[in-house]
PDB file of all heavy atoms in Angstrom:
ATOM      1  N   LEU A   1      86.848  42.646 272.926  1.00  0.00           N
ATOM      2  CA  LEU A   1      87.268  41.685 273.953  1.00  0.00           C
ATOM      3  C   LEU A   1      88.563  42.169 274.585  1.00  0.00           C
ATOM      4  O   LEU A   1      89.258  43.016 274.041  1.00  0.00           O
ATOM      5  CB  LEU A   1      87.420  40.265 273.391  1.00  0.00           C
ATOM      6  CG  LEU A   1      88.442  39.970 272.302  1.00  0.00           C
ATOM      7  CD1 LEU A   1      89.863  39.820 272.864  1.00  0.00           C
ATOM      8  CD2 LEU A   1      88.081  38.679 271.584  1.00  0.00           C
ATOM      9  N   ARG A   2      88.867  41.599 275.743  1.00  0.00           N
ATOM     10  CA  ARG A   2      90.052  42.007 276.504  1.00  0.00           C
ATOM     11  C   ARG A   2      90.665  40.764 277.125  1.00  0.00           C
ATOM     12  O   ARG A   2      90.010  40.093 277.937  1.00  0.00           O
ATOM     13  CB  ARG A   2      89.636  43.015 277.571  1.00  0.00           C
ATOM     14  CG  ARG A   2      90.751  43.557 278.450  1.00  0.00           C
ATOM     15  CD  ARG A   2      90.116  44.425 279.534  1.00  0.00           C
ATOM     16  NE  ARG A   2      91.082  44.970 280.449  1.00  0.00           N
ATOM     17  CZ  ARG A   2      91.456  46.244 280.473  1.00  0.00           C
ATOM     18  NH1 ARG A   2      90.928  47.110 279.612  1.00  0.00           N
ATOM     19  NH2 ARG A   2      92.345  46.676 281.351  1.00  0.00           N
ATOM     20  N   ALA A   3      91.887  40.424 276.730  1.00  0.00           N
ATOM     21  CA  ALA A   3      92.582  39.247 277.246  1.00  0.00           C
ATOM     22  C   ALA A   3      93.615  39.692 278.272  1.00  0.00           C
ATOM     23  O   ALA A   3      94.621  40.316 277.928  1.00  0.00           O
ATOM     24  CB  ALA A   3      93.260  38.479 276.113  1.00  0.00           C
ATOM     25  N   GLU A   4      93.355  39.377 279.522  1.00  0.00           N
ATOM     26  CA  GLU A   4      94.244  39.763 280.602  1.00  0.00           C
ATOM     27  C   GLU A   4      95.323  38.700 280.811  1.00  0.00           C
ATOM     28  O   GLU A   4      95.142  37.532 280.455  1.00  0.00           O
ATOM     29  CB  GLU A   4      93.434  39.913 281.902  1.00  0.00           C
ATOM     30  CG  GLU A   4      92.341  40.964 281.858  1.00  0.00           C
ATOM     31  CD  GLU A   4      92.876  42.368 282.084  1.00  0.00           C
ATOM     32  OE1 GLU A   4      94.110  42.516 282.251  1.00  0.00           O
ATOM     33  OE2 GLU A   4      92.066  43.306 282.097  1.00  0.00           O
ATOM     34  N   PRO A   5      96.461  39.069 281.406  1.00  0.00           N
ATOM     35  CA  PRO A   5      97.484  38.074 281.736  1.00  0.00           C
ATOM     36  C   PRO A   5      96.898  36.966 282.606  1.00  0.00           C
ATOM     37  O   PRO A   5      96.131  37.223 283.543  1.00  0.00           O
ATOM     38  CB  PRO A   5      98.531  38.887 282.501  1.00  0.00           C
ATOM     39  CG  PRO A   5      98.373  40.285 281.993  1.00  0.00           C
ATOM     40  CD  PRO A   5      96.905  40.442 281.741  1.00  0.00           C
ATOM     41  N   GLY A   6      97.238  35.721 282.283  1.00  0.00           N
ATOM     42  CA  GLY A   6      96.740  34.578 283.027  1.00  0.00           C
ATOM     43  C   GLY A   6      95.395  34.061 282.567  1.00  0.00           C
ATOM     44  O   GLY A   6      94.867  33.103 283.144  1.00  0.00           O
ATOM     45  N   GLU A   7      94.848  34.649 281.511  1.00  0.00           N
ATOM     46  CA  GLU A   7      93.487  34.319 281.080  1.00  0.00           C
ATOM     47  C   GLU A   7      93.482  33.629 279.722  1.00  0.00           C
ATOM     48  O   GLU A   7      94.223  33.996 278.819  1.00  0.00           O
ATOM     49  CB  GLU A   7      92.666  35.609 281.001  1.00  0.00           C
ATOM     50  CG  GLU A   7      91.201  35.408 280.720  1.00  0.00           C
ATOM     51  CD  GLU A   7      90.429  36.711 280.810  1.00  0.00           C
ATOM     52  OE1 GLU A   7      90.804  37.691 280.119  1.00  0.00           O
ATOM     53  OE2 GLU A   7      89.470  36.766 281.583  1.00  0.00           O
ATOM     54  N   LEU A   8      92.630  32.621 279.599  1.00  0.00           N
ATOM     55  CA  LEU A   8      92.415  31.943 278.319  1.00  0.00           C
ATOM     56  C   LEU A   8      90.985  32.199 277.872  1.00  0.00           C
ATOM     57  O   LEU A   8      90.037  31.894 278.599  1.00  0.00           O
ATOM     58  CB  LEU A   8      92.673  30.442 278.456  1.00  0.00           C
ATOM     59  CG  LEU A   8      92.741  29.633 277.154  1.00  0.00           C
ATOM     60  CD1 LEU A   8      93.580  28.362 277.363  1.00  0.00           C
ATOM     61  CD2 LEU A   8      91.367  29.239 276.636  1.00  0.00           C
ATOM     62  N   ILE A   9      90.842  32.778 276.683  1.00  0.00           N
ATOM     63  CA  ILE A   9      89.532  33.071 276.103  1.00  0.00           C
ATOM     64  C   ILE A   9      89.317  32.146 274.916  1.00  0.00           C
ATOM     65  O   ILE A   9      90.170  32.054 274.030  1.00  0.00           O
ATOM     66  CB  ILE A   9      89.429  34.535 275.642  1.00  0.00           C
ATOM     67  CG1 ILE A   9      89.588  35.482 276.831  1.00  0.00           C
ATOM     68  CG2 ILE A   9      88.100  34.790 274.923  1.00  0.00           C
ATOM     69  CD1 ILE A   9      89.635  36.949 276.427  1.00  0.00           C
ATOM     70  N   ALA A  10      88.204  31.453 274.894  1.00  0.00           N
ATOM     71  CA  ALA A  10      87.843  30.607 273.755  1.00  0.00           C
ATOM     72  C   ALA A  10      86.812  31.341 272.904  1.00  0.00           C
ATOM     73  O   ALA A  10      85.863  31.937 273.427  1.00  0.00           O
ATOM     74  CB  ALA A  10      87.269  29.284 274.234  1.00  0.00           C
ATOM     75  N   ILE A  11      87.005  31.321 271.580  1.00  0.00           N
ATOM     76  CA  ILE A  11      86.033  31.886 270.641  1.00  0.00           C
ATOM     77  C   ILE A  11      85.400  30.726 269.896  1.00  0.00           C
ATOM     78  O   ILE A  11      86.095  29.944 269.244  1.00  0.00           O
ATOM     79  CB  ILE A  11      86.702  32.846 269.643  1.00  0.00           C
ATOM     80  CG1 ILE A  11      87.477  33.946 270.381  1.00  0.00           C
ATOM     81  CG2 ILE A  11      85.652  33.465 268.712  1.00  0.00           C
ATOM     82  CD1 ILE A  11      88.213  34.901 269.450  1.00  0.00           C
ATOM     83  N   ILE A  12      84.088  30.600 270.014  1.00  0.00           N
ATOM     84  CA  ILE A  12      83.397  29.506 269.346  1.00  0.00           C
ATOM     85  C   ILE A  12      82.222  30.049 268.544  1.00  0.00           C
ATOM     86  O   ILE A  12      81.724  31.147 268.791  1.00  0.00           O
ATOM     87  CB  ILE A  12      82.909  28.430 270.347  1.00  0.00           C
ATOM     88  CG1 ILE A  12      81.892  29.018 271.327  1.00  0.00           C
ATOM     89  CG2 ILE A  12      84.073  27.815 271.103  1.00  0.00           C
ATOM     90  CD1 ILE A  12      81.314  27.974 272.266  1.00  0.00           C
ATOM     91  N   GLY A  13      81.809  29.255 267.578  1.00  0.00           N
ATOM     92  CA  GLY A  13      80.690  29.632 266.715  1.00  0.00           C
ATOM     93  C   GLY A  13      80.737  28.788 265.463  1.00  0.00           C
ATOM     94  O   GLY A  13      81.720  28.106 265.181  1.00  0.00           O
ATOM     95  N   PRO A  14      79.678  28.820 264.660  1.00  0.00           N
ATOM     96  CA  PRO A  14      79.633  28.012 263.432  1.00  0.00           C
ATOM     97  C   PRO A  14      80.584  28.548 262.375  1.00  0.00           C
ATOM     98  O   PRO A  14      81.161  29.638 262.516  1.00  0.00           O
ATOM     99  CB  PRO A  14      78.171  28.153 262.980  1.00  0.00           C
ATOM    100  CG  PRO A  14      77.718  29.450 263.568  1.00  0.00           C
ATOM    101  CD  PRO A  14      78.440  29.600 264.874  1.00  0.00           C
ATOM    102  N   ASN A  15      80.762  27.793 261.301  1.00  0.00           N
ATOM    103  CA  ASN A  15      81.568  28.263 260.171  1.00  0.00           C
ATOM    104  C   ASN A  15      81.002  29.578 259.648  1.00  0.00           C
ATOM    105  O   ASN A  15      79.780  29.750 259.562  1.00  0.00           O
ATOM    106  CB  ASN A  15      81.563  27.227 259.044  1.00  0.00           C
ATOM    107  CG  ASN A  15      82.308  25.965 259.428  1.00  0.00           C
ATOM    108  OD1 ASN A  15      83.199  25.987 260.267  1.00  0.00           O
ATOM    109  ND2 ASN A  15      81.943  24.848 258.809  1.00  0.00           N
ATOM    110  N   GLY A  16      81.898  30.509 259.313  1.00  0.00           N
ATOM    111  CA  GLY A  16      81.453  31.797 258.802  1.00  0.00           C
ATOM    112  C   GLY A  16      81.070  32.789 259.872  1.00  0.00           C
ATOM    113  O   GLY A  16      80.551  33.871 259.560  1.00  0.00           O
ATOM    114  N   ALA A  17      81.344  32.454 261.136  1.00  0.00           N
ATOM    115  CA  ALA A  17      80.964  33.356 262.227  1.00  0.00           C
ATOM    116  C   ALA A  17      81.895  34.554 262.347  1.00  0.00           C
ATOM    117  O   ALA A  17      81.570  35.534 263.014  1.00  0.00           O
ATOM    118  CB  ALA A  17      80.939  32.593 263.552  1.00  0.00           C
ATOM    119  N   GLY A  18      83.083  34.497 261.723  1.00  0.00           N
ATOM    120  CA  GLY A  18      84.034  35.599 261.809  1.00  0.00           C
ATOM    121  C   GLY A  18      85.153  35.354 262.808  1.00  0.00           C
ATOM    122  O   GLY A  18      85.947  36.255 263.084  1.00  0.00           O
ATOM    123  N   LYS A  19      85.270  34.131 263.315  1.00  0.00           N
ATOM    124  CA  LYS A  19      86.251  33.822 264.358  1.00  0.00           C
ATOM    125  C   LYS A  19      87.688  34.017 263.869  1.00  0.00           C
ATOM    126  O   LYS A  19      88.482  34.707 264.515  1.00  0.00           O
ATOM    127  CB  LYS A  19      86.054  32.371 264.843  1.00  0.00           C
ATOM    128  CG  LYS A  19      84.643  32.036 265.287  1.00  0.00           C
ATOM    129  CD  LYS A  19      84.537  30.614 265.810  1.00  0.00           C
ATOM    130  CE  LYS A  19      84.857  29.542 264.772  1.00  0.00           C
ATOM    131  NZ  LYS A  19      83.904  29.519 263.643  1.00  0.00           N
ATOM    132  N   SER A  20      88.024  33.399 262.747  1.00  0.00           N
ATOM    133  CA  SER A  20      89.391  33.492 262.233  1.00  0.00           C
ATOM    134  C   SER A  20      89.712  34.902 261.751  1.00  0.00           C
ATOM    135  O   SER A  20      90.860  35.357 261.867  1.00  0.00           O
ATOM    136  CB  SER A  20      89.603  32.483 261.097  1.00  0.00           C
ATOM    137  OG  SER A  20      89.501  31.150 261.573  1.00  0.00           O
ATOM    138  N   THR A  21      88.727  35.591 261.200  1.00  0.00           N
ATOM    139  CA  THR A  21      88.945  36.979 260.778  1.00  0.00           C
ATOM    140  C   THR A  21      89.282  37.848 261.979  1.00  0.00           C
ATOM    141  O   THR A  21      90.203  38.660 261.935  1.00  0.00           O
ATOM    142  CB  THR A  21      87.699  37.526 260.069  1.00  0.00           C
ATOM    143  OG1 THR A  21      87.415  36.728 258.920  1.00  0.00           O
ATOM    144  CG2 THR A  21      87.908  38.967 259.638  1.00  0.00           C
ATOM    145  N   LEU A  22      88.550  37.669 263.073  1.00  0.00           N
ATOM    146  CA  LEU A  22      88.830  38.429 264.295  1.00  0.00           C
ATOM    147  C   LEU A  22      90.238  38.130 264.795  1.00  0.00           C
ATOM    148  O   LEU A  22      90.981  39.043 265.179  1.00  0.00           O
ATOM    149  CB  LEU A  22      87.804  38.083 265.370  1.00  0.00           C
ATOM    150  CG  LEU A  22      88.017  38.749 266.736  1.00  0.00           C
ATOM    151  CD1 LEU A  22      87.973  40.263 266.623  1.00  0.00           C
ATOM    152  CD2 LEU A  22      86.965  38.254 267.741  1.00  0.00           C
ATOM    153  N   LEU A  23      90.642  36.866 264.753  1.00  0.00           N
ATOM    154  CA  LEU A  23      91.986  36.501 265.195  1.00  0.00           C
ATOM    155  C   LEU A  23      93.044  37.168 264.311  1.00  0.00           C
ATOM    156  O   LEU A  23      94.086  37.614 264.800  1.00  0.00           O
ATOM    157  CB  LEU A  23      92.147  34.984 265.158  1.00  0.00           C
ATOM    158  CG  LEU A  23      93.047  34.363 266.236  1.00  0.00           C
ATOM    159  CD1 LEU A  23      92.435  34.578 267.619  1.00  0.00           C
ATOM    160  CD2 LEU A  23      93.258  32.886 265.983  1.00  0.00           C
ATOM    161  N   GLY A  24      92.766  37.255 262.998  1.00  0.00           N
ATOM    162  CA  GLY A  24      93.689  37.929 262.089  1.00  0.00           C
ATOM    163  C   GLY A  24      93.854  39.404 262.411  1.00  0.00           C
ATOM    164  O   GLY A  24      94.957  39.959 262.297  1.00  0.00           O
ATOM    165  N   VAL A  25      92.781  40.052 262.820  1.00  0.00           N
ATOM    166  CA  VAL A  25      92.864  41.454 263.235  1.00  0.00           C
ATOM    167  C   VAL A  25      93.710  41.575 264.493  1.00  0.00           C
ATOM    168  O   VAL A  25      94.538  42.490 264.636  1.00  0.00           O
ATOM    169  CB  VAL A  25      91.455  42.035 263.466  1.00  0.00           C
ATOM    170  CG1 VAL A  25      91.550  43.454 264.041  1.00  0.00           C
ATOM    171  CG2 VAL A  25      90.655  42.056 262.164  1.00  0.00           C
ATOM    172  N   LEU A  26      93.536  40.643 265.410  1.00  0.00           N
ATOM    173  CA  LEU A  26      94.258  40.696 266.675  1.00  0.00           C
ATOM    174  C   LEU A  26      95.762  40.513 266.494  1.00  0.00           C
ATOM    175  O   LEU A  26      96.548  41.002 267.307  1.00  0.00           O
ATOM    176  CB  LEU A  26      93.721  39.627 267.635  1.00  0.00           C
ATOM    177  CG  LEU A  26      92.292  39.832 268.140  1.00  0.00           C
ATOM    178  CD1 LEU A  26      91.839  38.640 268.967  1.00  0.00           C
ATOM    179  CD2 LEU A  26      92.189  41.117 268.957  1.00  0.00           C
ATOM    180  N   ASN A  27      96.189  39.800 265.443  1.00  0.00           N
ATOM    181  CA  ASN A  27      97.635  39.646 265.234  1.00  0.00           C
ATOM    182  C   ASN A  27      98.186  40.609 264.189  1.00  0.00           C
ATOM    183  O   ASN A  27      99.386  40.578 263.885  1.00  0.00           O
ATOM    184  CB  ASN A  27      97.990  38.188 264.888  1.00  0.00           C
ATOM    185  CG  ASN A  27      97.503  37.742 263.525  1.00  0.00           C
ATOM    186  OD1 ASN A  27      97.582  38.476 262.542  1.00  0.00           O
ATOM    187  ND2 ASN A  27      96.993  36.526 263.451  1.00  0.00           N
ATOM    188  N   GLY A  28      97.335  41.466 263.638  1.00  0.00           N
ATOM    189  CA  GLY A  28      97.790  42.494 262.707  1.00  0.00           C
ATOM    190  C   GLY A  28      97.874  42.064 261.261  1.00  0.00           C
ATOM    191  O   GLY A  28      98.270  42.853 260.406  1.00  0.00           O
ATOM    192  N   SER A  29      97.480  40.819 260.957  1.00  0.00           N
ATOM    193  CA  SER A  29      97.554  40.357 259.567  1.00  0.00           C
ATOM    194  C   SER A  29      96.344  40.777 258.755  1.00  0.00           C
ATOM    195  O   SER A  29      96.373  40.736 257.517  1.00  0.00           O
ATOM    196  CB  SER A  29      97.704  38.829 259.530  1.00  0.00           C
ATOM    197  OG  SER A  29      96.559  38.192 260.089  1.00  0.00           O
ATOM    198  N   ILE A  30      95.257  41.173 259.401  1.00  0.00           N
ATOM    199  CA  ILE A  30      94.057  41.683 258.733  1.00  0.00           C
ATOM    200  C   ILE A  30      93.769  43.075 259.285  1.00  0.00           C
ATOM    201  O   ILE A  30      93.792  43.289 260.504  1.00  0.00           O
ATOM    202  CB  ILE A  30      92.849  40.750 258.964  1.00  0.00           C
ATOM    203  CG1 ILE A  30      93.082  39.386 258.303  1.00  0.00           C
ATOM    204  CG2 ILE A  30      91.560  41.386 258.429  1.00  0.00           C
ATOM    205  CD1 ILE A  30      91.980  38.378 258.569  1.00  0.00           C
ATOM    206  N   LYS A  31      93.511  44.002 258.386  1.00  0.00           N
ATOM    207  CA  LYS A  31      93.230  45.374 258.806  1.00  0.00           C
ATOM    208  C   LYS A  31      91.743  45.546 259.063  1.00  0.00           C
ATOM    209  O   LYS A  31      90.908  45.186 258.240  1.00  0.00           O
ATOM    210  CB  LYS A  31      93.690  46.356 257.726  1.00  0.00           C
ATOM    211  CG  LYS A  31      93.552  47.818 258.144  1.00  0.00           C
ATOM    212  CD  LYS A  31      94.113  48.743 257.080  1.00  0.00           C
ATOM    213  CE  LYS A  31      93.981  50.200 257.503  1.00  0.00           C
ATOM    214  NZ  LYS A  31      94.534  51.109 256.463  1.00  0.00           N
ATOM    215  N   ALA A  32      91.426  46.075 260.215  1.00  0.00           N
ATOM    216  CA  ALA A  32      90.033  46.324 260.559  1.00  0.00           C
ATOM    217  C   ALA A  32      89.501  47.527 259.786  1.00  0.00           C
ATOM    218  O   ALA A  32      90.221  48.500 259.553  1.00  0.00           O
ATOM    219  CB  ALA A  32      89.888  46.570 262.058  1.00  0.00           C
ATOM    220  N   THR A  33      88.235  47.436 259.396  1.00  0.00           N
ATOM    221  CA  THR A  33      87.585  48.581 258.754  1.00  0.00           C
ATOM    222  C   THR A  33      87.352  49.687 259.776  1.00  0.00           C
ATOM    223  O   THR A  33      87.545  50.874 259.499  1.00  0.00           O
ATOM    224  CB  THR A  33      86.238  48.147 258.148  1.00  0.00           C
ATOM    225  OG1 THR A  33      86.449  47.034 257.282  1.00  0.00           O
ATOM    226  CG2 THR A  33      85.611  49.288 257.355  1.00  0.00           C
ATOM    227  N   ARG A  34      86.949  49.283 260.964  1.00  0.00           N
ATOM    228  CA  ARG A  34      86.770  50.208 262.086  1.00  0.00           C
ATOM    229  C   ARG A  34      87.234  49.529 263.359  1.00  0.00           C
ATOM    230  O   ARG A  34      87.251  48.302 263.455  1.00  0.00           O
ATOM    231  CB  ARG A  34      85.299  50.630 262.243  1.00  0.00           C
ATOM    232  CG  ARG A  34      84.772  51.508 261.128  1.00  0.00           C
ATOM    233  CD  ARG A  34      83.416  52.117 261.503  1.00  0.00           C
ATOM    234  NE  ARG A  34      82.441  51.082 261.849  1.00  0.00           N
ATOM    235  CZ  ARG A  34      81.713  50.429 260.941  1.00  0.00           C
ATOM    236  NH1 ARG A  34      81.869  50.673 259.659  1.00  0.00           N
ATOM    237  NH2 ARG A  34      80.827  49.528 261.333  1.00  0.00           N
ATOM    238  N   GLY A  35      87.553  50.333 264.364  1.00  0.00           N
ATOM    239  CA  GLY A  35      87.976  49.804 265.652  1.00  0.00           C
ATOM    240  C   GLY A  35      89.488  49.773 265.772  1.00  0.00           C
ATOM    241  O   GLY A  35      90.218  50.151 264.857  1.00  0.00           O
ATOM    242  N   SER A  36      89.965  49.337 266.943  1.00  0.00           N
ATOM    243  CA  SER A  36      91.400  49.325 267.196  1.00  0.00           C
ATOM    244  C   SER A  36      91.779  48.136 268.063  1.00  0.00           C
ATOM    245  O   SER A  36      90.956  47.568 268.784  1.00  0.00           O
ATOM    246  CB  SER A  36      91.820  50.624 267.893  1.00  0.00           C
ATOM    247  OG  SER A  36      91.146  50.757 269.140  1.00  0.00           O
ATOM    248  N   VAL A  37      93.058  47.759 267.949  1.00  0.00           N
ATOM    249  CA  VAL A  37      93.640  46.709 268.779  1.00  0.00           C
ATOM    250  C   VAL A  37      94.774  47.325 269.576  1.00  0.00           C
ATOM    251  O   VAL A  37      95.654  47.996 269.020  1.00  0.00           O
ATOM    252  CB  VAL A  37      94.174  45.538 267.929  1.00  0.00           C
ATOM    253  CG1 VAL A  37      94.848  44.492 268.812  1.00  0.00           C
ATOM    254  CG2 VAL A  37      93.054  44.907 267.123  1.00  0.00           C
ATOM    255  N   LEU A  38      94.757  47.108 270.883  1.00  0.00           N
ATOM    256  CA  LEU A  38      95.770  47.662 271.773  1.00  0.00           C
ATOM    257  C   LEU A  38      96.571  46.532 272.401  1.00  0.00           C
ATOM    258  O   LEU A  38      95.998  45.553 272.890  1.00  0.00           O
ATOM    259  CB  LEU A  38      95.124  48.504 272.876  1.00  0.00           C
ATOM    260  CG  LEU A  38      94.214  49.653 272.442  1.00  0.00           C
ATOM    261  CD1 LEU A  38      93.586  50.316 273.660  1.00  0.00           C
ATOM    262  CD2 LEU A  38      94.973  50.658 271.603  1.00  0.00           C
ATOM    263  N   LEU A  39      97.889  46.674 272.392  1.00  0.00           N
ATOM    264  CA  LEU A  39      98.782  45.740 273.063  1.00  0.00           C
ATOM    265  C   LEU A  39      99.439  46.496 274.207  1.00  0.00           C
ATOM    266  O   LEU A  39     100.183  47.442 273.987  1.00  0.00           O
ATOM    267  CB  LEU A  39      99.838  45.209 272.083  1.00  0.00           C
ATOM    268  CG  LEU A  39     100.880  44.240 272.648  1.00  0.00           C
ATOM    269  CD1 LEU A  39     100.213  42.982 273.201  1.00  0.00           C
ATOM    270  CD2 LEU A  39     101.905  43.878 271.585  1.00  0.00           C
ATOM    271  N   ASN A  40      99.093  46.099 275.424  1.00  0.00           N
ATOM    272  CA  ASN A  40      99.572  46.793 276.626  1.00  0.00           C
ATOM    273  C   ASN A  40      99.282  48.289 276.558  1.00  0.00           C
ATOM    274  O   ASN A  40     100.114  49.125 276.935  1.00  0.00           O
ATOM    275  CB  ASN A  40     101.069  46.545 276.831  1.00  0.00           C
ATOM    276  CG  ASN A  40     101.382  45.077 277.061  1.00  0.00           C
ATOM    277  OD1 ASN A  40     100.604  44.357 277.704  1.00  0.00           O
ATOM    278  ND2 ASN A  40     102.498  44.606 276.537  1.00  0.00           N
ATOM    279  N   GLY A  41      98.095  48.621 276.036  1.00  0.00           N
ATOM    280  CA  GLY A  41      97.642  49.994 275.989  1.00  0.00           C
ATOM    281  C   GLY A  41      98.111  50.802 274.802  1.00  0.00           C
ATOM    282  O   GLY A  41      97.724  51.963 274.644  1.00  0.00           O
TER     283      GLY A  41
END
């Protein structure tokens, strides 16, 4: 996903969908097994 300035993205899904885990990766508190997170490139 890509969050641009001025944009609000909602993540929805049932319990166990991985929503909070994904958010943890985005703030650096959870380490991804694969992939990367970029802040301003």
